[in-house]
Protein backbone atom coordinates (compact mmCIF):
# COMPACT_ATOMS: atom_id res chain seq x y z
CA MET A 1 17.13 -8.33 -3.14
CA PRO A 2 14.81 -9.46 -0.33
CA VAL A 3 11.70 -7.74 0.26
CA ILE A 4 9.42 -8.50 3.16
CA ALA A 5 5.90 -7.09 3.83
CA MET A 6 4.81 -7.07 7.55
CA ASN A 7 1.88 -6.05 9.67
CA GLN A 8 2.11 -6.18 13.39
CA GLU A 9 -0.37 -5.15 16.20
CA MET A 10 0.53 -2.39 18.65
CA GLY A 11 2.64 -3.95 21.46
CA SER A 12 3.12 -7.20 19.61
CA GLN A 13 7.02 -6.58 19.45
CA GLY A 14 6.67 -6.59 15.74
CA LYS A 15 9.11 -3.66 15.56
CA LEU A 16 11.65 -5.66 17.45
CA VAL A 17 11.24 -8.34 14.93
CA ALA A 18 11.68 -6.04 11.97
CA GLU A 19 14.85 -4.32 13.65
CA LYS A 20 16.49 -7.64 14.38
CA LEU A 21 15.73 -9.09 10.80
CA ALA A 22 16.85 -6.04 9.24
CA GLU A 23 20.07 -6.10 11.28
CA GLU A 24 20.88 -9.72 10.16
CA LEU A 25 19.82 -9.35 6.58
CA GLY A 26 21.18 -5.74 6.03
CA LEU A 27 17.67 -4.68 4.96
CA GLU A 28 16.09 -1.09 5.18
CA ILE A 29 13.08 -0.74 7.47
CA VAL A 30 10.31 1.63 6.11
CA ARG A 31 7.07 2.70 7.84
CA HIS A 32 6.30 6.21 8.62
CA GLU A 33 8.77 7.38 6.04
CA ILE A 34 6.11 6.62 3.39
CA ILE A 35 4.08 9.56 4.67
CA ASP A 36 6.62 12.09 3.71
CA HIS A 37 6.22 11.36 -0.05
CA VAL A 38 2.49 10.69 0.01
CA ALA A 39 1.92 14.03 1.87
CA GLN A 40 4.16 15.80 -0.60
CA LYS A 41 2.27 14.59 -3.72
CA MET A 42 -1.13 15.42 -1.92
CA HIS A 43 0.04 19.14 -0.79
CA MET A 44 -0.93 18.04 2.70
CA ARG A 45 1.08 18.63 6.11
CA LYS A 46 2.55 15.22 7.39
CA SER A 47 0.93 15.69 10.60
CA ALA A 48 -2.50 16.09 9.04
CA LEU A 49 -2.17 12.87 6.89
CA GLN A 50 -0.92 11.14 10.13
CA ARG A 51 -3.99 12.13 11.93
CA PHE A 52 -6.24 11.06 9.10
CA LEU A 53 -4.65 7.60 8.91
CA GLU A 54 -4.89 6.95 12.59
CA GLY A 55 -8.52 8.09 12.62
CA LYS A 56 -7.90 11.19 14.71
CA SER A 57 -8.38 13.89 12.21
CA GLY A 58 -11.56 16.22 12.61
CA LEU A 59 -14.46 16.43 10.39
CA LEU A 60 -12.98 19.42 8.21
CA GLU A 61 -9.80 17.39 7.91
CA ARG A 62 -11.55 14.34 6.87
CA TRP A 63 -13.68 16.35 4.19
CA GLY A 64 -10.55 17.92 2.85
CA THR A 65 -8.63 14.75 2.23
CA ASP A 66 -8.84 13.03 -1.15
CA GLU A 67 -9.07 9.46 -0.25
CA ALA A 68 -8.74 8.35 -3.77
CA SER A 69 -5.53 10.13 -4.21
CA LEU A 70 -4.30 8.93 -0.94
CA ALA A 71 -5.03 5.31 -1.80
CA LEU A 72 -3.25 5.61 -5.26
CA PHE A 73 -0.12 7.46 -4.06
CA LYS A 74 0.24 4.97 -1.11
CA VAL A 75 0.21 1.97 -3.42
CA GLU A 76 2.55 3.61 -5.79
CA GLU A 77 4.97 4.38 -2.93
CA ILE A 78 4.79 0.66 -1.73
CA LEU A 79 5.54 -0.62 -5.09
CA ASP A 80 8.32 1.57 -5.76
CA LEU A 81 9.95 0.54 -2.53
CA ALA A 82 9.49 -3.07 -3.20
CA ALA A 83 10.90 -2.75 -6.77
CA LYS A 84 14.21 -1.23 -5.39
CA GLY A 85 14.29 -4.18 -2.92
CA ASN A 86 16.34 -4.98 0.34
CA VAL A 87 13.61 -3.57 2.41
CA ILE A 88 10.93 -4.49 5.12
CA ILE A 89 7.66 -2.46 4.59
CA ARG A 90 5.82 -2.35 7.70
CA GLY A 91 1.98 -1.51 7.68
CA TRP A 92 0.40 0.56 5.02
CA GLY A 93 -1.46 -2.30 3.65
CA ALA A 94 1.84 -3.61 2.07
CA THR A 95 1.11 -7.17 2.79
CA HIS A 96 -2.03 -6.83 0.54
CA ILE A 97 -0.50 -4.70 -2.18
CA LEU A 98 2.45 -6.94 -2.62
CA ARG A 99 0.69 -10.18 -2.12
CA PRO A 100 0.32 -10.85 -5.88
CA ILE A 101 4.26 -10.77 -6.27
CA PRO A 102 5.38 -14.53 -5.76
CA HIS A 103 8.71 -13.83 -4.19
CA ILE A 104 7.54 -11.45 -1.38
CA PRO A 105 6.62 -13.02 1.80
CA CYS A 106 3.58 -11.53 3.74
CA VAL A 107 4.10 -11.69 7.47
CA ARG A 108 1.77 -10.97 10.50
CA VAL A 109 3.19 -10.50 13.97
CA GLY A 110 0.72 -10.50 16.73
CA ALA A 111 -0.24 -11.54 20.35
CA PRO A 112 -3.27 -11.77 22.53
CA PHE A 113 -4.58 -8.50 23.83
CA ALA A 114 -3.70 -9.05 27.40
CA THR A 115 -0.06 -9.89 26.47
CA ARG A 116 0.17 -6.77 24.47
CA LEU A 117 -1.45 -4.62 27.11
CA LYS A 118 1.19 -5.71 29.66
CA TRP A 119 4.07 -5.12 27.28
CA VAL A 120 2.89 -1.56 26.27
CA MET A 121 2.41 -0.76 29.89
CA ASP A 122 5.86 -2.02 30.77
CA SER A 123 7.55 -0.02 27.93
CA LEU A 124 5.76 3.12 28.66
CA GLY A 125 6.43 2.64 32.47
CA THR A 126 2.85 3.37 33.46
CA ASP A 127 0.17 1.65 35.51
CA ASP A 128 -2.78 3.42 33.61
CA GLU A 129 -4.30 0.25 32.36
CA ASP A 130 -7.34 1.89 31.00
CA MET A 131 -5.56 4.53 28.96
CA VAL A 132 -3.21 1.90 27.46
CA ALA A 133 -6.03 -0.69 26.76
CA GLU A 134 -7.90 2.47 24.93
CA GLU A 135 -4.76 3.27 22.69
CA ILE A 136 -4.45 -0.40 21.74
CA ARG A 137 -8.13 -0.64 20.69
CA HIS A 138 -8.08 2.44 18.78
CA SER A 139 -4.93 1.35 16.99
CA ASP A 140 -6.48 -1.91 16.17
CA ALA A 141 -9.70 -0.38 15.09
CA ALA A 142 -7.88 2.05 12.67
CA HIS A 143 -6.03 -0.75 11.18
CA ARG A 144 -9.21 -2.82 10.51
CA ALA A 145 -11.00 0.06 9.12
CA ASN A 146 -8.22 1.09 6.79
CA MET A 147 -7.75 -2.32 5.42
CA GLN A 148 -11.37 -2.94 5.02
CA HIS A 149 -12.25 0.64 3.46
CA GLN A 150 -9.16 0.47 0.90
CA PHE A 151 -9.14 -3.19 -0.09
CA GLY A 152 -12.18 -4.76 1.12
CA VAL A 153 -10.41 -7.38 3.17
CA GLY A 154 -10.11 -8.09 6.99
CA TRP A 155 -6.91 -7.04 8.56
CA GLY A 156 -6.65 -10.19 10.60
CA GLU A 157 -7.85 -12.61 7.71
CA PRO A 158 -5.33 -15.58 7.95
CA MET A 159 -5.29 -16.08 4.37
CA GLN A 160 -3.77 -12.62 3.69
CA TYR A 161 -0.62 -13.75 5.13
CA ASP A 162 1.91 -16.49 4.40
CA ILE A 163 2.83 -16.71 8.01
CA THR A 164 1.47 -15.43 11.49
CA LEU A 165 3.78 -15.29 14.45
CA ASN A 166 2.47 -15.23 18.10
CA THR A 167 5.00 -13.50 20.28
CA GLU A 168 3.36 -14.48 23.37
CA ARG A 169 4.77 -18.12 22.49
CA LEU A 170 7.55 -17.09 19.95
CA SER A 171 10.68 -15.08 20.89
CA VAL A 172 11.63 -12.25 18.77
CA ALA A 173 14.79 -14.57 17.78
CA THR A 174 12.54 -17.38 16.93
CA CYS A 175 10.38 -15.08 14.76
CA VAL A 176 13.41 -13.78 12.89
CA GLU A 177 14.82 -17.43 12.20
CA MET A 178 11.23 -18.38 11.10
CA ILE A 179 11.01 -15.46 8.58
CA LYS A 180 14.64 -16.17 7.34
CA ALA A 181 13.71 -19.70 6.69
CA LEU A 182 10.70 -18.77 4.84
CA LEU A 183 12.92 -16.48 2.58
CA LYS A 184 15.04 -19.59 1.49
CA ARG A 185 12.13 -21.75 0.64
CA PRO A 186 11.70 -22.22 -3.20
CA GLU A 187 8.24 -20.74 -3.11
CA PHE A 188 9.76 -17.37 -2.32
CA GLU A 189 12.73 -17.51 -4.91
CA GLU A 190 13.06 -14.36 -6.92
CA THR A 191 12.66 -15.18 -10.72
CA PRO A 192 12.78 -13.20 -13.80
CA GLU A 193 8.88 -13.72 -13.98
CA SER A 194 8.38 -12.45 -10.54
CA ARG A 195 10.68 -9.55 -11.00
CA ALA A 196 8.89 -8.72 -14.24
CA LYS A 197 5.38 -8.85 -12.71
CA LEU A 198 6.56 -6.50 -9.98
CA ALA A 199 8.17 -4.15 -12.49
CA ASN A 200 4.96 -4.14 -14.58
CA LEU A 201 2.70 -3.40 -11.49
CA THR A 202 5.00 -0.63 -10.37
CA LEU A 203 4.95 0.96 -13.83
CA GLU A 204 1.18 0.64 -14.06
CA TYR A 205 0.78 2.59 -10.80
CA HIS A 206 3.32 5.22 -11.73
CA ALA A 207 1.20 5.91 -14.71
CA ARG A 208 -1.99 6.12 -12.77
CA ALA A 209 -0.50 8.35 -10.32
CA ALA A 210 0.84 10.80 -13.05
CA LEU A 211 -2.62 10.90 -14.57
CA ARG A 212 -3.98 11.65 -11.13
CA ALA A 213 -1.29 14.32 -10.54
CA SER A 214 -2.03 16.31 -13.74
CA PRO A 215 -4.90 18.80 -13.77
CA ARG A 216 -5.67 17.96 -17.33
CA THR A 217 -6.22 14.16 -16.53
CA ALA A 218 -6.96 14.10 -12.71
CA ASP A 219 -10.38 12.70 -13.24
CA VAL A 220 -9.79 10.23 -15.99
CA LYS A 221 -10.68 6.57 -15.37
CA ILE A 222 -9.18 4.09 -17.51
CA ALA A 223 -7.82 0.66 -17.68
CA ILE A 224 -3.89 0.63 -17.72
CA SER A 225 -1.60 -2.37 -18.11
CA ALA A 226 2.09 -2.48 -18.42
CA ASP A 227 4.34 -4.96 -20.11
CA ASN A 228 8.07 -4.55 -20.26
CA GLY A 229 7.65 -0.78 -20.42
CA LYS A 230 4.89 -0.52 -22.82
CA LEU A 231 1.52 0.75 -21.51
CA THR A 232 -1.71 -0.34 -23.05
CA LEU A 233 -4.85 2.04 -22.50
CA GLU A 234 -8.48 0.95 -22.74
CA GLY A 235 -11.57 2.59 -21.96
CA ILE A 236 -13.23 5.90 -22.91
CA ALA A 237 -11.75 9.31 -23.11
CA ALA A 238 -14.38 12.35 -22.88
CA SER A 239 -12.77 14.03 -25.95
CA SER A 240 -9.85 13.71 -28.54
CA GLU A 241 -8.31 16.37 -26.44
CA GLU A 242 -8.56 14.43 -23.37
CA GLN A 243 -7.25 11.32 -25.38
CA HIS A 244 -4.15 13.17 -26.47
CA ALA A 245 -3.62 14.76 -22.94
CA ILE A 246 -3.57 11.19 -21.47
CA THR A 247 -1.03 9.88 -23.98
CA GLU A 248 1.09 13.05 -23.51
CA VAL A 249 1.16 12.61 -19.68
CA LEU A 250 1.91 8.85 -19.86
CA SER A 251 4.76 9.18 -22.35
CA GLN A 252 6.56 11.36 -19.97
CA VAL A 253 6.57 9.00 -17.01
CA ALA A 254 9.92 7.42 -16.32
CA GLY A 255 10.30 3.83 -17.59
CA VAL A 256 7.71 4.02 -20.31
CA LYS A 257 8.93 2.80 -23.74
CA GLY A 258 5.87 3.14 -25.50
CA VAL A 259 1.94 3.67 -25.23
CA SER A 260 -0.60 1.60 -27.13
CA ASN A 261 -3.70 3.95 -27.05
CA LYS A 262 -6.84 1.92 -27.51
CA LEU A 263 -9.01 4.58 -25.91
CA LYS A 264 -12.31 5.23 -27.59
CA VAL A 265 -13.72 8.83 -27.75
CA MET A 266 -16.97 9.69 -26.50
CA ARG A 267 -19.28 10.87 -29.08
CA ASP A 268 -22.23 13.33 -28.46
CA VAL A 269 -25.51 11.71 -27.93
CA ARG A 270 -28.47 13.43 -29.89
CA ILE A 271 -31.57 13.20 -28.05
CA PHE A 272 -34.56 13.24 -30.46
CA PRO A 273 -37.99 14.46 -28.89
CA SER A 274 -40.30 11.53 -28.50
CA SER A 275 -43.19 11.36 -30.91
CA LYS A 276 -46.72 11.97 -29.56
CA THR A 277 -49.44 9.45 -30.59
């Protein structure tokens, strides 16, 4: 059940690489479809969320966007797609989110700016070089900002990827063959251990998203770990009622087989007046 995480620069022909790879391996390609589910969970219009992610939203839209929920629901959606398998996930920070899973290769497709500029101009049938150059720069800047803001890593950092393909020198067909060869290597063999790691991480984020989505637990900040369907909770609950609500919400998450609640309840702190000498 191959899973490939891919980043590509605008105009790098990364879309063509993904399409050819998906055709040859029988994989689904997911990119913009992620917005549908995330927007629904955030009770936002898809168009408004798209503008925010592209750095094109207005001041009021930016103020009205809950970035913490966006980041959480986005990670949850990507992990859920990866757990189902047979998919190429393009963009959305998938290369960083899925990097801890040993059997998932993280691929970057890029090309020098001048090469990308020419390809985009040709594909649009325009000779407005300034307009196209500005669009490419804006796209690159938005990708860098999103990756840095959410994950604290550089979008183009080489060590974030298992392979970087330069389409100025490599054809689409060659890129596809190189990714297919990578999938066959023992380093990317899917094992029971790697599947379990993905399943545990996916369930952990389903639990985090469930807490965020419930009005009773939306502001809860606790540590959650998952192991074969069992959740372990650590941290501090504001009250015994909140502790109970957390357990109740998480017990209803699909795939949860048990909840080990190690939360401590915050006690009232009595403040005594200082003595005067």
